[in-house]
Amino acid sequence: EAQLVESGGGLVPAGGSLRLACTTSGFTFDNYAISWIRQAPGKERETVSCIKNSDGSAYYADSVKGRFTISSDNAKNTVYLQMNSLKPEDTAVYYCAADSFHGYGCYDHSALELWGQGTQVTVSS
């Protein structure tokens, strides 16, 4: 069974850091792109970052460029999101999701085939 499990969320003060992990199983990791998507209360889902495991190419939303870094460990079938200089507006539930359409799910969430259960990130001011 294909599965994605997020970990690493928590409560941090503004300016702090967290590293989220998306551990995957049950599918061919290299054939998929992984997206990190967040949703804050009352707001629409927003793609934060995504990475194509086949070549490591990455995308970042303008709101997180320079602060967040996505990386992939193909040996562990895990994608990480290092989040630095966190702001209160980064508070959200963070989901990882996967698509086999060459990363199209990064831009169109309807293309995402697999989702994790989400992990809460709360940044206090």
PDB file of N, CA and C in Angstrom:
ATOM      1  N   GLU A   1       0.839  -1.200   0.000  1.00  0.00           N
ATOM      2  CA  GLU A   1       0.000   0.000   0.000  1.00  0.00           C
ATOM      3  C   GLU A   1       0.876   1.253   0.000  1.00  0.00           C
ATOM      4  N   ALA A   2       0.595   2.153  -0.917  1.00  0.00           N
ATOM      5  CA  ALA A   2       1.347   3.400  -0.993  1.00  0.00           C
ATOM      6  C   ALA A   2       1.008   4.282   0.195  1.00  0.00           C
ATOM      7  N   GLN A   3       2.042   4.897   0.755  1.00  0.00           N
ATOM      8  CA  GLN A   3       1.835   5.681   1.973  1.00  0.00           C
ATOM      9  C   GLN A   3       2.833   6.826   2.061  1.00  0.00           C
ATOM     10  N   LEU A   4       2.375   7.966   2.603  1.00  0.00           N
ATOM     11  CA  LEU A   4       3.242   9.088   2.925  1.00  0.00           C
ATOM     12  C   LEU A   4       2.951   9.467   4.368  1.00  0.00           C
ATOM     13  N   VAL A   5       3.990   9.642   5.150  1.00  0.00           N
ATOM     14  CA  VAL A   5       3.837   9.988   6.556  1.00  0.00           C
ATOM     15  C   VAL A   5       4.720  11.189   6.862  1.00  0.00           C
ATOM     16  N   GLU A   6       4.059  12.278   7.323  1.00  0.00           N
ATOM     17  CA  GLU A   6       4.796  13.484   7.696  1.00  0.00           C
ATOM     18  C   GLU A   6       5.195  13.428   9.171  1.00  0.00           C
ATOM     19  N   SER A   7       6.298  14.060   9.473  1.00  0.00           N
ATOM     20  CA  SER A   7       6.731  14.202  10.863  1.00  0.00           C
ATOM     21  C   SER A   7       7.541  15.479  10.994  1.00  0.00           C
ATOM     22  N   GLY A   8       7.728  15.921  12.233  1.00  0.00           N
ATOM     23  CA  GLY A   8       8.607  17.054  12.473  1.00  0.00           C
ATOM     24  C   GLY A   8       7.915  18.366  12.787  1.00  0.00           C
ATOM     25  N   GLY A   9       6.593  18.380  12.738  1.00  0.00           N
ATOM     26  CA  GLY A   9       5.896  19.612  13.067  1.00  0.00           C
ATOM     27  C   GLY A   9       5.998  19.928  14.550  1.00  0.00           C
ATOM     28  N   GLY A  10       5.526  21.119  14.921  1.00  0.00           N
ATOM     29  CA  GLY A  10       5.552  21.502  16.321  1.00  0.00           C
ATOM     30  C   GLY A  10       5.325  22.983  16.498  1.00  0.00           C
ATOM     31  N   LEU A  11       5.611  23.445  17.717  1.00  0.00           N
ATOM     32  CA  LEU A  11       5.445  24.854  18.080  1.00  0.00           C
ATOM     33  C   LEU A  11       6.820  25.482  18.234  1.00  0.00           C
ATOM     34  N   VAL A  12       7.050  26.569  17.525  1.00  0.00           N
ATOM     35  CA  VAL A  12       8.328  27.270  17.609  1.00  0.00           C
ATOM     36  C   VAL A  12       8.077  28.767  17.672  1.00  0.00           C
ATOM     37  N   PRO A  13       8.994  29.521  18.242  1.00  0.00           N
ATOM     38  CA  PRO A  13       8.845  30.978  18.230  1.00  0.00           C
ATOM     39  C   PRO A  13       9.233  31.534  16.871  1.00  0.00           C
ATOM     40  N   ALA A  14       8.768  32.716  16.585  1.00  0.00           N
ATOM     41  CA  ALA A  14       9.146  33.388  15.340  1.00  0.00           C
ATOM     42  C   ALA A  14      10.671  33.472  15.258  1.00  0.00           C
ATOM     43  N   GLY A  15      11.188  33.215  14.057  1.00  0.00           N
ATOM     44  CA  GLY A  15      12.636  33.189  13.858  1.00  0.00           C
ATOM     45  C   GLY A  15      13.254  31.816  14.038  1.00  0.00           C
ATOM     46  N   GLY A  16      12.481  30.889  14.540  1.00  0.00           N
ATOM     47  CA  GLY A  16      12.979  29.542  14.779  1.00  0.00           C
ATOM     48  C   GLY A  16      12.981  28.678  13.529  1.00  0.00           C
ATOM     49  N   SER A  17      13.363  27.414  13.728  1.00  0.00           N
ATOM     50  CA  SER A  17      13.479  26.479  12.613  1.00  0.00           C
ATOM     51  C   SER A  17      12.800  25.153  12.940  1.00  0.00           C
ATOM     52  N   LEU A  18      12.360  24.496  11.903  1.00  0.00           N
ATOM     53  CA  LEU A  18      11.842  23.133  11.991  1.00  0.00           C
ATOM     54  C   LEU A  18      12.262  22.392  10.739  1.00  0.00           C
ATOM     55  N   ARG A  19      12.394  21.080  10.848  1.00  0.00           N
ATOM     56  CA  ARG A  19      12.608  20.252   9.669  1.00  0.00           C
ATOM     57  C   ARG A  19      11.507  19.212   9.602  1.00  0.00           C
ATOM     58  N   LEU A  20      10.736  19.298   8.542  1.00  0.00           N
ATOM     59  CA  LEU A  20       9.679  18.315   8.301  1.00  0.00           C
ATOM     60  C   LEU A  20      10.243  17.174   7.460  1.00  0.00           C
ATOM     61  N   ALA A  21       9.733  15.990   7.705  1.00  0.00           N
ATOM     62  CA  ALA A  21      10.100  14.825   6.908  1.00  0.00           C
ATOM     63  C   ALA A  21       8.845  14.186   6.327  1.00  0.00           C
ATOM     64  N   CYS A  22       8.948  13.738   5.112  1.00  0.00           N
ATOM     65  CA  CYS A  22       7.876  12.987   4.452  1.00  0.00           C
ATOM     66  C   CYS A  22       8.458  11.628   4.081  1.00  0.00           C
ATOM     67  N   THR A  23       8.109  10.624   4.843  1.00  0.00           N
ATOM     68  CA  THR A  23       8.624   9.279   4.622  1.00  0.00           C
ATOM     69  C   THR A  23       7.623   8.498   3.788  1.00  0.00           C
ATOM     70  N   THR A  24       8.100   7.934   2.694  1.00  0.00           N
ATOM     71  CA  THR A  24       7.196   7.280   1.757  1.00  0.00           C
ATOM     72  C   THR A  24       7.465   5.785   1.681  1.00  0.00           C
ATOM     73  N   SER A  25       6.470   5.054   1.239  1.00  0.00           N
ATOM     74  CA  SER A  25       6.618   3.622   1.040  1.00  0.00           C
ATOM     75  C   SER A  25       5.536   3.151   0.072  1.00  0.00           C
ATOM     76  N   GLY A  26       5.789   2.001  -0.542  1.00  0.00           N
ATOM     77  CA  GLY A  26       4.771   1.367  -1.362  1.00  0.00           C
ATOM     78  C   GLY A  26       4.716   1.826  -2.809  1.00  0.00           C
ATOM     79  N   PHE A  27       5.648   2.681  -3.234  1.00  0.00           N
ATOM     80  CA  PHE A  27       5.695   3.082  -4.643  1.00  0.00           C
ATOM     81  C   PHE A  27       7.143   3.406  -5.011  1.00  0.00           C
ATOM     82  N   THR A  28       7.386   3.517  -6.315  1.00  0.00           N
ATOM     83  CA  THR A  28       8.739   3.756  -6.807  1.00  0.00           C
ATOM     84  C   THR A  28       9.080   5.229  -6.640  1.00  0.00           C
ATOM     85  N   PHE A  29       9.840   5.520  -5.625  1.00  0.00           N
ATOM     86  CA  PHE A  29      10.126   6.890  -5.201  1.00  0.00           C
ATOM     87  C   PHE A  29      10.672   7.740  -6.343  1.00  0.00           C
ATOM     88  N   ASP A  30      11.606   7.206  -7.094  1.00  0.00           N
ATOM     89  CA  ASP A  30      12.268   7.990  -8.135  1.00  0.00           C
ATOM     90  C   ASP A  30      11.313   8.437  -9.240  1.00  0.00           C
ATOM     91  N   ASN A  31      10.186   7.788  -9.360  1.00  0.00           N
ATOM     92  CA  ASN A  31       9.235   8.105 -10.429  1.00  0.00           C
ATOM     93  C   ASN A  31       8.249   9.203 -10.053  1.00  0.00           C
ATOM     94  N   TYR A  32       8.375   9.697  -8.842  1.00  0.00           N
ATOM     95  CA  TYR A  32       7.384  10.642  -8.350  1.00  0.00           C
ATOM     96  C   TYR A  32       8.009  11.983  -7.990  1.00  0.00           C
ATOM     97  N   ALA A  33       7.179  13.004  -8.039  1.00  0.00           N
ATOM     98  CA  ALA A  33       7.511  14.304  -7.467  1.00  0.00           C
ATOM     99  C   ALA A  33       6.757  14.435  -6.154  1.00  0.00           C
ATOM    100  N   ILE A  34       7.398  15.079  -5.195  1.00  0.00           N
ATOM    101  CA  ILE A  34       6.784  15.284  -3.882  1.00  0.00           C
ATOM    102  C   ILE A  34       6.565  16.772  -3.661  1.00  0.00           C
ATOM    103  N   SER A  35       5.376  17.101  -3.239  1.00  0.00           N
ATOM    104  CA  SER A  35       5.025  18.489  -2.941  1.00  0.00           C
ATOM    105  C   SER A  35       4.767  18.647  -1.452  1.00  0.00           C
ATOM    106  N   TRP A  36       5.159  19.791  -0.924  1.00  0.00           N
ATOM    107  CA  TRP A  36       4.747  20.207   0.418  1.00  0.00           C
ATOM    108  C   TRP A  36       3.674  21.283   0.234  1.00  0.00           C
ATOM    109  N   ILE A  37       2.545  21.046   0.823  1.00  0.00           N
ATOM    110  CA  ILE A  37       1.390  21.927   0.690  1.00  0.00           C
ATOM    111  C   ILE A  37       0.915  22.274   2.083  1.00  0.00           C
ATOM    112  N   ARG A  38       0.566  23.522   2.293  1.00  0.00           N
ATOM    113  CA  ARG A  38       0.084  23.908   3.613  1.00  0.00           C
ATOM    114  C   ARG A  38      -1.303  24.518   3.516  1.00  0.00           C
ATOM    115  N   GLN A  39      -2.016  24.396   4.618  1.00  0.00           N
ATOM    116  CA  GLN A  39      -3.331  25.000   4.700  1.00  0.00           C
ATOM    117  C   GLN A  39      -3.519  25.595   6.084  1.00  0.00           C
ATOM    118  N   ALA A  40      -3.742  26.891   6.106  1.00  0.00           N
ATOM    119  CA  ALA A  40      -4.021  27.597   7.349  1.00  0.00           C
ATOM    120  C   ALA A  40      -5.534  27.725   7.509  1.00  0.00           C
ATOM    121  N   PRO A  41      -6.023  27.885   8.725  1.00  0.00           N
ATOM    122  CA  PRO A  41      -7.462  28.007   8.932  1.00  0.00           C
ATOM    123  C   PRO A  41      -8.052  29.146   8.112  1.00  0.00           C
ATOM    124  N   GLY A  42      -9.115  28.841   7.377  1.00  0.00           N
ATOM    125  CA  GLY A  42      -9.791  29.852   6.595  1.00  0.00           C
ATOM    126  C   GLY A  42      -9.092  30.249   5.311  1.00  0.00           C
ATOM    127  N   LYS A  43      -8.005  29.565   4.992  1.00  0.00           N
ATOM    128  CA  LYS A  43      -7.264  29.900   3.766  1.00  0.00           C
ATOM    129  C   LYS A  43      -7.218  28.702   2.827  1.00  0.00           C
ATOM    130  N   GLU A  44      -6.942  28.985   1.571  1.00  0.00           N
ATOM    131  CA  GLU A  44      -6.820  27.915   0.585  1.00  0.00           C
ATOM    132  C   GLU A  44      -5.473  27.194   0.736  1.00  0.00           C
ATOM    133  N   ARG A  45      -5.446  25.987   0.239  1.00  0.00           N
ATOM    134  CA  ARG A  45      -4.181  25.247   0.217  1.00  0.00           C
ATOM    135  C   ARG A  45      -3.173  25.980  -0.652  1.00  0.00           C
ATOM    136  N   GLU A  46      -1.934  25.947  -0.209  1.00  0.00           N
ATOM    137  CA  GLU A  46      -0.859  26.639  -0.923  1.00  0.00           C
ATOM    138  C   GLU A  46       0.317  25.685  -1.093  1.00  0.00           C
ATOM    139  N   THR A  47       0.794  25.541  -2.313  1.00  0.00           N
ATOM    140  CA  THR A  47       2.019  24.775  -2.514  1.00  0.00           C
ATOM    141  C   THR A  47       3.194  25.587  -1.995  1.00  0.00           C
ATOM    142  N   VAL A  48       3.931  25.003  -1.078  1.00  0.00           N
ATOM    143  CA  VAL A  48       5.092  25.666  -0.489  1.00  0.00           C
ATOM    144  C   VAL A  48       6.341  25.352  -1.296  1.00  0.00           C
ATOM    145  N   SER A  49       6.522  24.087  -1.599  1.00  0.00           N
ATOM    146  CA  SER A  49       7.723  23.650  -2.308  1.00  0.00           C
ATOM    147  C   SER A  49       7.459  22.270  -2.880  1.00  0.00           C
ATOM    148  N   CYS A  50       8.198  21.920  -3.921  1.00  0.00           N
ATOM    149  CA  CYS A  50       8.104  20.573  -4.453  1.00  0.00           C
ATOM    150  C   CYS A  50       9.412  20.188  -5.111  1.00  0.00           C
ATOM    151  N   ILE A  51       9.618  18.902  -5.264  1.00  0.00           N
ATOM    152  CA  ILE A  51      10.859  18.381  -5.824  1.00  0.00           C
ATOM    153  C   ILE A  51      10.563  17.165  -6.685  1.00  0.00           C
ATOM    154  N   LYS A  52      11.240  17.107  -7.815  1.00  0.00           N
ATOM    155  CA  LYS A  52      11.137  15.935  -8.679  1.00  0.00           C
ATOM    156  C   LYS A  52      12.253  14.980  -8.285  1.00  0.00           C
ATOM    157  N   ASN A  53      11.912  13.809  -7.816  1.00  0.00           N
ATOM    158  CA  ASN A  53      12.930  12.878  -7.333  1.00  0.00           C
ATOM    159  C   ASN A  53      13.798  12.342  -8.460  1.00  0.00           C
ATOM    160  N   SER A  54      13.329  12.425  -9.698  1.00  0.00           N
ATOM    161  CA  SER A  54      14.109  11.903 -10.822  1.00  0.00           C
ATOM    162  C   SER A  54      15.349  12.743 -11.094  1.00  0.00           C
ATOM    163  N   ASP A  55      15.242  14.064 -10.897  1.00  0.00           N
ATOM    164  CA  ASP A  55      16.398  14.909 -11.212  1.00  0.00           C
ATOM    165  C   ASP A  55      16.712  15.955 -10.145  1.00  0.00           C
ATOM    166  N   GLY A  56      15.910  15.996  -9.085  1.00  0.00           N
ATOM    167  CA  GLY A  56      16.188  16.912  -7.985  1.00  0.00           C
ATOM    168  C   GLY A  56      15.773  18.346  -8.218  1.00  0.00           C
ATOM    169  N   SER A  57      15.120  18.624  -9.340  1.00  0.00           N
ATOM    170  CA  SER A  57      14.699  20.003  -9.590  1.00  0.00           C
ATOM    171  C   SER A  57      13.614  20.392  -8.590  1.00  0.00           C
ATOM    172  N   ALA A  58      13.671  21.636  -8.154  1.00  0.00           N
ATOM    173  CA  ALA A  58      12.803  22.071  -7.069  1.00  0.00           C
ATOM    174  C   ALA A  58      12.105  23.384  -7.409  1.00  0.00           C
ATOM    175  N   TYR A  59      10.996  23.589  -6.730  1.00  0.00           N
ATOM    176  CA  TYR A  59      10.201  24.810  -6.859  1.00  0.00           C
ATOM    177  C   TYR A  59       9.924  25.338  -5.451  1.00  0.00           C
ATOM    178  N   TYR A  60       9.909  26.665  -5.330  1.00  0.00           N
ATOM    179  CA  TYR A  60       9.545  27.296  -4.056  1.00  0.00           C
ATOM    180  C   TYR A  60       8.534  28.404  -4.307  1.00  0.00           C
ATOM    181  N   ALA A  61       7.568  28.505  -3.425  1.00  0.00           N
ATOM    182  CA  ALA A  61       6.667  29.646  -3.457  1.00  0.00           C
ATOM    183  C   ALA A  61       7.460  30.897  -3.068  1.00  0.00           C
ATOM    184  N   ASP A  62       7.057  32.034  -3.614  1.00  0.00           N
ATOM    185  CA  ASP A  62       7.759  33.281  -3.310  1.00  0.00           C
ATOM    186  C   ASP A  62       7.793  33.558  -1.809  1.00  0.00           C
ATOM    187  N   SER A  63       6.739  33.151  -1.129  1.00  0.00           N
ATOM    188  CA  SER A  63       6.626  33.447   0.294  1.00  0.00           C
ATOM    189  C   SER A  63       7.661  32.724   1.151  1.00  0.00           C
ATOM    190  N   VAL A  64       8.301  31.684   0.607  1.00  0.00           N
ATOM    191  CA  VAL A  64       9.263  30.919   1.409  1.00  0.00           C
ATOM    192  C   VAL A  64      10.664  30.891   0.806  1.00  0.00           C
ATOM    193  N   LYS A  65      10.838  31.488  -0.351  1.00  0.00           N
ATOM    194  CA  LYS A  65      12.164  31.490  -0.993  1.00  0.00           C
ATOM    195  C   LYS A  65      13.199  32.120  -0.070  1.00  0.00           C
ATOM    196  N   GLY A  66      14.336  31.452   0.013  1.00  0.00           N
ATOM    197  CA  GLY A  66      15.399  31.951   0.866  1.00  0.00           C
ATOM    198  C   GLY A  66      15.287  31.514   2.313  1.00  0.00           C
ATOM    199  N   ARG A  67      14.139  30.974   2.693  1.00  0.00           N
ATOM    200  CA  ARG A  67      13.941  30.525   4.083  1.00  0.00           C
ATOM    201  C   ARG A  67      13.764  29.005   4.179  1.00  0.00           C
ATOM    202  N   PHE A  68      13.126  28.415   3.194  1.00  0.00           N
ATOM    203  CA  PHE A  68      12.847  26.972   3.195  1.00  0.00           C
ATOM    204  C   PHE A  68      13.726  26.287   2.161  1.00  0.00           C
ATOM    205  N   THR A  69      14.120  25.064   2.479  1.00  0.00           N
ATOM    206  CA  THR A  69      14.895  24.252   1.552  1.00  0.00           C
ATOM    207  C   THR A  69      14.321  22.847   1.506  1.00  0.00           C
ATOM    208  N   ILE A  70      14.041  22.385   0.289  1.00  0.00           N
ATOM    209  CA  ILE A  70      13.536  21.022   0.114  1.00  0.00           C
ATOM    210  C   ILE A  70      14.685  20.140  -0.339  1.00  0.00           C
ATOM    211  N   SER A  71      14.693  18.909   0.141  1.00  0.00           N
ATOM    212  CA  SER A  71      15.731  17.966  -0.268  1.00  0.00           C
ATOM    213  C   SER A  71      15.149  16.563  -0.254  1.00  0.00           C
ATOM    214  N   SER A  72      15.822  15.692  -0.958  1.00  0.00           N
ATOM    215  CA  SER A  72      15.326  14.326  -1.119  1.00  0.00           C
ATOM    216  C   SER A  72      16.436  13.341  -0.831  1.00  0.00           C
ATOM    217  N   ASP A  73      16.159  12.352  -0.023  1.00  0.00           N
ATOM    218  CA  ASP A  73      17.098  11.257   0.234  1.00  0.00           C
ATOM    219  C   ASP A  73      16.522  10.012  -0.430  1.00  0.00           C
ATOM    220  N   ASN A  74      16.999   9.727  -1.624  1.00  0.00           N
ATOM    221  CA  ASN A  74      16.419   8.627  -2.386  1.00  0.00           C
ATOM    222  C   ASN A  74      16.692   7.265  -1.732  1.00  0.00           C
ATOM    223  N   ALA A  75      17.765   7.160  -0.965  1.00  0.00           N
ATOM    224  CA  ALA A  75      18.064   5.895  -0.288  1.00  0.00           C
ATOM    225  C   ALA A  75      17.057   5.608   0.821  1.00  0.00           C
ATOM    226  N   LYS A  76      16.501   6.680   1.399  1.00  0.00           N
ATOM    227  CA  LYS A  76      15.529   6.530   2.492  1.00  0.00           C
ATOM    228  C   LYS A  76      14.106   6.769   2.040  1.00  0.00           C
ATOM    229  N   ASN A  77      13.923   7.059   0.754  1.00  0.00           N
ATOM    230  CA  ASN A  77      12.579   7.363   0.232  1.00  0.00           C
ATOM    231  C   ASN A  77      11.899   8.465   1.049  1.00  0.00           C
ATOM    232  N   THR A  78      12.660   9.466   1.378  1.00  0.00           N
ATOM    233  CA  THR A  78      12.176  10.530   2.258  1.00  0.00           C
ATOM    234  C   THR A  78      12.518  11.893   1.673  1.00  0.00           C
ATOM    235  N   VAL A  79      11.573  12.797   1.784  1.00  0.00           N
ATOM    236  CA  VAL A  79      11.771  14.189   1.383  1.00  0.00           C
ATOM    237  C   VAL A  79      11.696  15.055   2.632  1.00  0.00           C
ATOM    238  N   TYR A  80      12.610  16.012   2.714  1.00  0.00           N
ATOM    239  CA  TYR A  80      12.679  16.903   3.874  1.00  0.00           C
ATOM    240  C   TYR A  80      12.330  18.327   3.460  1.00  0.00           C
ATOM    241  N   LEU A  81      11.795  19.073   4.404  1.00  0.00           N
ATOM    242  CA  LEU A  81      11.582  20.506   4.220  1.00  0.00           C
ATOM    243  C   LEU A  81      12.203  21.203   5.424  1.00  0.00           C
ATOM    244  N   GLN A  82      13.352  21.820   5.187  1.00  0.00           N
ATOM    245  CA  GLN A  82      14.009  22.592   6.230  1.00  0.00           C
ATOM    246  C   GLN A  82      13.429  23.996   6.221  1.00  0.00           C
ATOM    247  N   MET A  83      12.872  24.391   7.349  1.00  0.00           N
ATOM    248  CA  MET A  83      12.199  25.690   7.439  1.00  0.00           C
ATOM    249  C   MET A  83      12.935  26.554   8.451  1.00  0.00           C
ATOM    250  N   ASN A  84      13.517  27.632   7.960  1.00  0.00           N
ATOM    251  CA  ASN A  84      14.255  28.562   8.811  1.00  0.00           C
ATOM    252  C   ASN A  84      13.552  29.913   8.831  1.00  0.00           C
ATOM    253  N   SER A  85      13.928  30.734   9.791  1.00  0.00           N
ATOM    254  CA  SER A  85      13.365  32.089   9.913  1.00  0.00           C
ATOM    255  C   SER A  85      11.849  32.048   9.843  1.00  0.00           C
ATOM    256  N   LEU A  86      11.272  31.169  10.598  1.00  0.00           N
ATOM    257  CA  LEU A  86       9.823  30.985  10.552  1.00  0.00           C
ATOM    258  C   LEU A  86       9.086  32.228  11.034  1.00  0.00           C
ATOM    259  N   LYS A  87       7.935  32.457  10.413  1.00  0.00           N
ATOM    260  CA  LYS A  87       7.089  33.605  10.724  1.00  0.00           C
ATOM    261  C   LYS A  87       5.723  33.108  11.198  1.00  0.00           C
ATOM    262  N   PRO A  88       5.009  33.923  11.939  1.00  0.00           N
ATOM    263  CA  PRO A  88       3.660  33.501  12.359  1.00  0.00           C
ATOM    264  C   PRO A  88       2.768  33.129  11.181  1.00  0.00           C
ATOM    265  N   GLU A  89       2.959  33.774  10.054  1.00  0.00           N
ATOM    266  CA  GLU A  89       2.130  33.452   8.880  1.00  0.00           C
ATOM    267  C   GLU A  89       2.471  32.114   8.246  1.00  0.00           C
ATOM    268  N   ASP A  90       3.515  31.459   8.716  1.00  0.00           N
ATOM    269  CA  ASP A  90       3.813  30.101   8.270  1.00  0.00           C
ATOM    270  C   ASP A  90       2.983  29.059   9.025  1.00  0.00           C
ATOM    271  N   THR A  91       2.254  29.490  10.023  1.00  0.00           N
ATOM    272  CA  THR A  91       1.423  28.579  10.790  1.00  0.00           C
ATOM    273  C   THR A  91       0.375  27.931   9.898  1.00  0.00           C
ATOM    274  N   ALA A  92       0.346  26.608   9.896  1.00  0.00           N
ATOM    275  CA  ALA A  92      -0.576  25.861   9.031  1.00  0.00           C
ATOM    276  C   ALA A  92      -0.394  24.366   9.302  1.00  0.00           C
ATOM    277  N   VAL A  93      -1.290  23.590   8.745  1.00  0.00           N
ATOM    278  CA  VAL A  93      -1.047  22.150   8.635  1.00  0.00           C
ATOM    279  C   VAL A  93      -0.280  21.924   7.341  1.00  0.00           C
ATOM    280  N   TYR A  94       0.815  21.200   7.441  1.00  0.00           N
ATOM    281  CA  TYR A  94       1.656  20.925   6.294  1.00  0.00           C
ATOM    282  C   TYR A  94       1.451  19.482   5.849  1.00  0.00           C
ATOM    283  N   TYR A  95       1.157  19.328   4.581  1.00  0.00           N
ATOM    284  CA  TYR A  95       0.945  18.016   3.989  1.00  0.00           C
ATOM    285  C   TYR A  95       2.033  17.748   2.955  1.00  0.00           C
ATOM    286  N   CYS A  96       2.438  16.494   2.843  1.00  0.00           N
ATOM    287  CA  CYS A  96       3.214  16.126   1.667  1.00  0.00           C
ATOM    288  C   CYS A  96       2.312  15.285   0.767  1.00  0.00           C
ATOM    289  N   ALA A  97       2.555  15.397  -0.509  1.00  0.00           N
ATOM    290  CA  ALA A  97       1.739  14.713  -1.505  1.00  0.00           C
ATOM    291  C   ALA A  97       2.614  14.337  -2.688  1.00  0.00           C
ATOM    292  N   ALA A  98       2.173  13.353  -3.449  1.00  0.00           N
ATOM    293  CA  ALA A  98       2.999  12.823  -4.530  1.00  0.00           C
ATOM    294  C   ALA A  98       2.224  12.734  -5.826  1.00  0.00           C
ATOM    295  N   ASP A  99       2.919  12.941  -6.917  1.00  0.00           N
ATOM    296  CA  ASP A  99       2.346  12.715  -8.242  1.00  0.00           C
ATOM    297  C   ASP A  99       3.392  12.099  -9.147  1.00  0.00           C
ATOM    298  N   SER A 100       2.886  11.321 -10.110  1.00  0.00           N
ATOM    299  CA  SER A 100       3.767  10.671 -11.085  1.00  0.00           C
ATOM    300  C   SER A 100       3.705  11.377 -12.434  1.00  0.00           C
ATOM    301  N   PHE A 101       3.240  12.627 -12.434  1.00  0.00           N
ATOM    302  CA  PHE A 101       3.081  13.397 -13.666  1.00  0.00           C
ATOM    303  C   PHE A 101       4.170  14.453 -13.807  1.00  0.00           C
ATOM    304  N   HIS A 102       5.397  14.061 -13.469  1.00  0.00           N
ATOM    305  CA  HIS A 102       6.558  14.933 -13.656  1.00  0.00           C
ATOM    306  C   HIS A 102       6.445  16.233 -12.875  1.00  0.00           C
ATOM    307  N   GLY A 103       5.807  16.168 -11.710  1.00  0.00           N
ATOM    308  CA  GLY A 103       5.727  17.348 -10.863  1.00  0.00           C
ATOM    309  C   GLY A 103       4.570  18.261 -11.187  1.00  0.00           C
ATOM    310  N   TYR A 104       3.663  17.843 -12.029  1.00  0.00           N
ATOM    311  CA  TYR A 104       2.522  18.691 -12.365  1.00  0.00           C
ATOM    312  C   TYR A 104       1.672  18.986 -11.139  1.00  0.00           C
ATOM    313  N   GLY A 105       1.677  18.050 -10.196  1.00  0.00           N
ATOM    314  CA  GLY A 105       0.917  18.274  -8.971  1.00  0.00           C
ATOM    315  C   GLY A 105       1.397  19.459  -8.168  1.00  0.00           C
ATOM    316  N   CYS A 106       2.605  19.904  -8.451  1.00  0.00           N
ATOM    317  CA  CYS A 106       3.142  21.095  -7.785  1.00  0.00           C
ATOM    318  C   CYS A 106       2.285  22.315  -8.117  1.00  0.00           C
ATOM    319  N   TYR A 107       1.686  22.315  -9.305  1.00  0.00           N
ATOM    320  CA  TYR A 107       0.949  23.477  -9.795  1.00  0.00           C
ATOM    321  C   TYR A 107      -0.554  23.240  -9.853  1.00  0.00           C
ATOM    322  N   ASP A 108      -0.945  21.989  -9.901  1.00  0.00           N
ATOM    323  CA  ASP A 108      -2.357  21.622  -9.984  1.00  0.00           C
ATOM    324  C   ASP A 108      -2.598  20.493  -8.995  1.00  0.00           C
ATOM    325  N   HIS A 109      -3.231  20.814  -7.885  1.00  0.00           N
ATOM    326  CA  HIS A 109      -3.394  19.822  -6.823  1.00  0.00           C
ATOM    327  C   HIS A 109      -4.265  18.640  -7.241  1.00  0.00           C
ATOM    328  N   SER A 110      -5.064  18.817  -8.286  1.00  0.00           N
ATOM    329  CA  SER A 110      -5.882  17.688  -8.738  1.00  0.00           C
ATOM    330  C   SER A 110      -5.021  16.577  -9.325  1.00  0.00           C
ATOM    331  N   ALA A 111      -3.776  16.869  -9.668  1.00  0.00           N
ATOM    332  CA  ALA A 111      -2.870  15.852 -10.207  1.00  0.00           C
ATOM    333  C   ALA A 111      -2.186  15.046  -9.110  1.00  0.00           C
ATOM    334  N   LEU A 112      -2.318  15.474  -7.877  1.00  0.00           N
ATOM    335  CA  LEU A 112      -1.681  14.760  -6.772  1.00  0.00           C
ATOM    336  C   LEU A 112      -2.431  13.469  -6.490  1.00  0.00           C
ATOM    337  N   GLU A 113      -1.692  12.381  -6.442  1.00  0.00           N
ATOM    338  CA  GLU A 113      -2.301  11.053  -6.336  1.00  0.00           C
ATOM    339  C   GLU A 113      -2.289  10.499  -4.916  1.00  0.00           C
ATOM    340  N   LEU A 114      -1.320  10.932  -4.137  1.00  0.00           N
ATOM    341  CA  LEU A 114      -1.162  10.389  -2.799  1.00  0.00           C
ATOM    342  C   LEU A 114      -0.946  11.540  -1.833  1.00  0.00           C
ATOM    343  N   TRP A 115      -1.533  11.437  -0.645  1.00  0.00           N
ATOM    344  CA  TRP A 115      -1.417  12.489   0.375  1.00  0.00           C
ATOM    345  C   TRP A 115      -1.053  11.856   1.716  1.00  0.00           C
ATOM    346  N   GLY A 116      -0.290  12.617   2.494  1.00  0.00           N
ATOM    347  CA  GLY A 116      -0.074  12.242   3.876  1.00  0.00           C
ATOM    348  C   GLY A 116      -1.184  12.797   4.751  1.00  0.00           C
ATOM    349  N   GLN A 117      -1.064  12.544   6.042  1.00  0.00           N
ATOM    350  CA  GLN A 117      -2.124  12.945   6.972  1.00  0.00           C
ATOM    351  C   GLN A 117      -1.941  14.362   7.487  1.00  0.00           C
ATOM    352  N   GLY A 118      -0.786  14.944   7.267  1.00  0.00           N
ATOM    353  CA  GLY A 118      -0.517  16.313   7.686  1.00  0.00           C
ATOM    354  C   GLY A 118       0.171  16.398   9.040  1.00  0.00           C
ATOM    355  N   THR A 119       0.912  17.483   9.227  1.00  0.00           N
ATOM    356  CA  THR A 119       1.564  17.762  10.510  1.00  0.00           C
ATOM    357  C   THR A 119       1.411  19.253  10.804  1.00  0.00           C
ATOM    358  N   GLN A 120       1.075  19.572  12.040  1.00  0.00           N
ATOM    359  CA  GLN A 120       0.806  20.960  12.407  1.00  0.00           C
ATOM    360  C   GLN A 120       2.114  21.706  12.680  1.00  0.00           C
ATOM    361  N   VAL A 121       2.221  22.877  12.091  1.00  0.00           N
ATOM    362  CA  VAL A 121       3.320  23.799  12.385  1.00  0.00           C
ATOM    363  C   VAL A 121       2.706  25.077  12.946  1.00  0.00           C
ATOM    364  N   THR A 122       3.131  25.455  14.133  1.00  0.00           N
ATOM    365  CA  THR A 122       2.629  26.667  14.768  1.00  0.00           C
ATOM    366  C   THR A 122       3.816  27.548  15.129  1.00  0.00           C
ATOM    367  N   VAL A 123       3.771  28.787  14.637  1.00  0.00           N
ATOM    368  CA  VAL A 123       4.844  29.740  14.904  1.00  0.00           C
ATOM    369  C   VAL A 123       4.267  30.854  15.758  1.00  0.00           C
ATOM    370  N   SER A 124       4.800  31.010  16.936  1.00  0.00           N
ATOM    371  CA  SER A 124       4.290  32.025  17.851  1.00  0.00           C
ATOM    372  C   SER A 124       5.023  33.349  17.634  1.00  0.00           C
ATOM    373  N   SER A 125       4.283  34.432  17.852  1.00  0.00           N
ATOM    374  CA  SER A 125       4.877  35.762  17.634  1.00  0.00           C
ATOM    375  C   SER A 125       5.536  36.282  18.911  1.00  0.00           C
TER     376      SER A 125
END
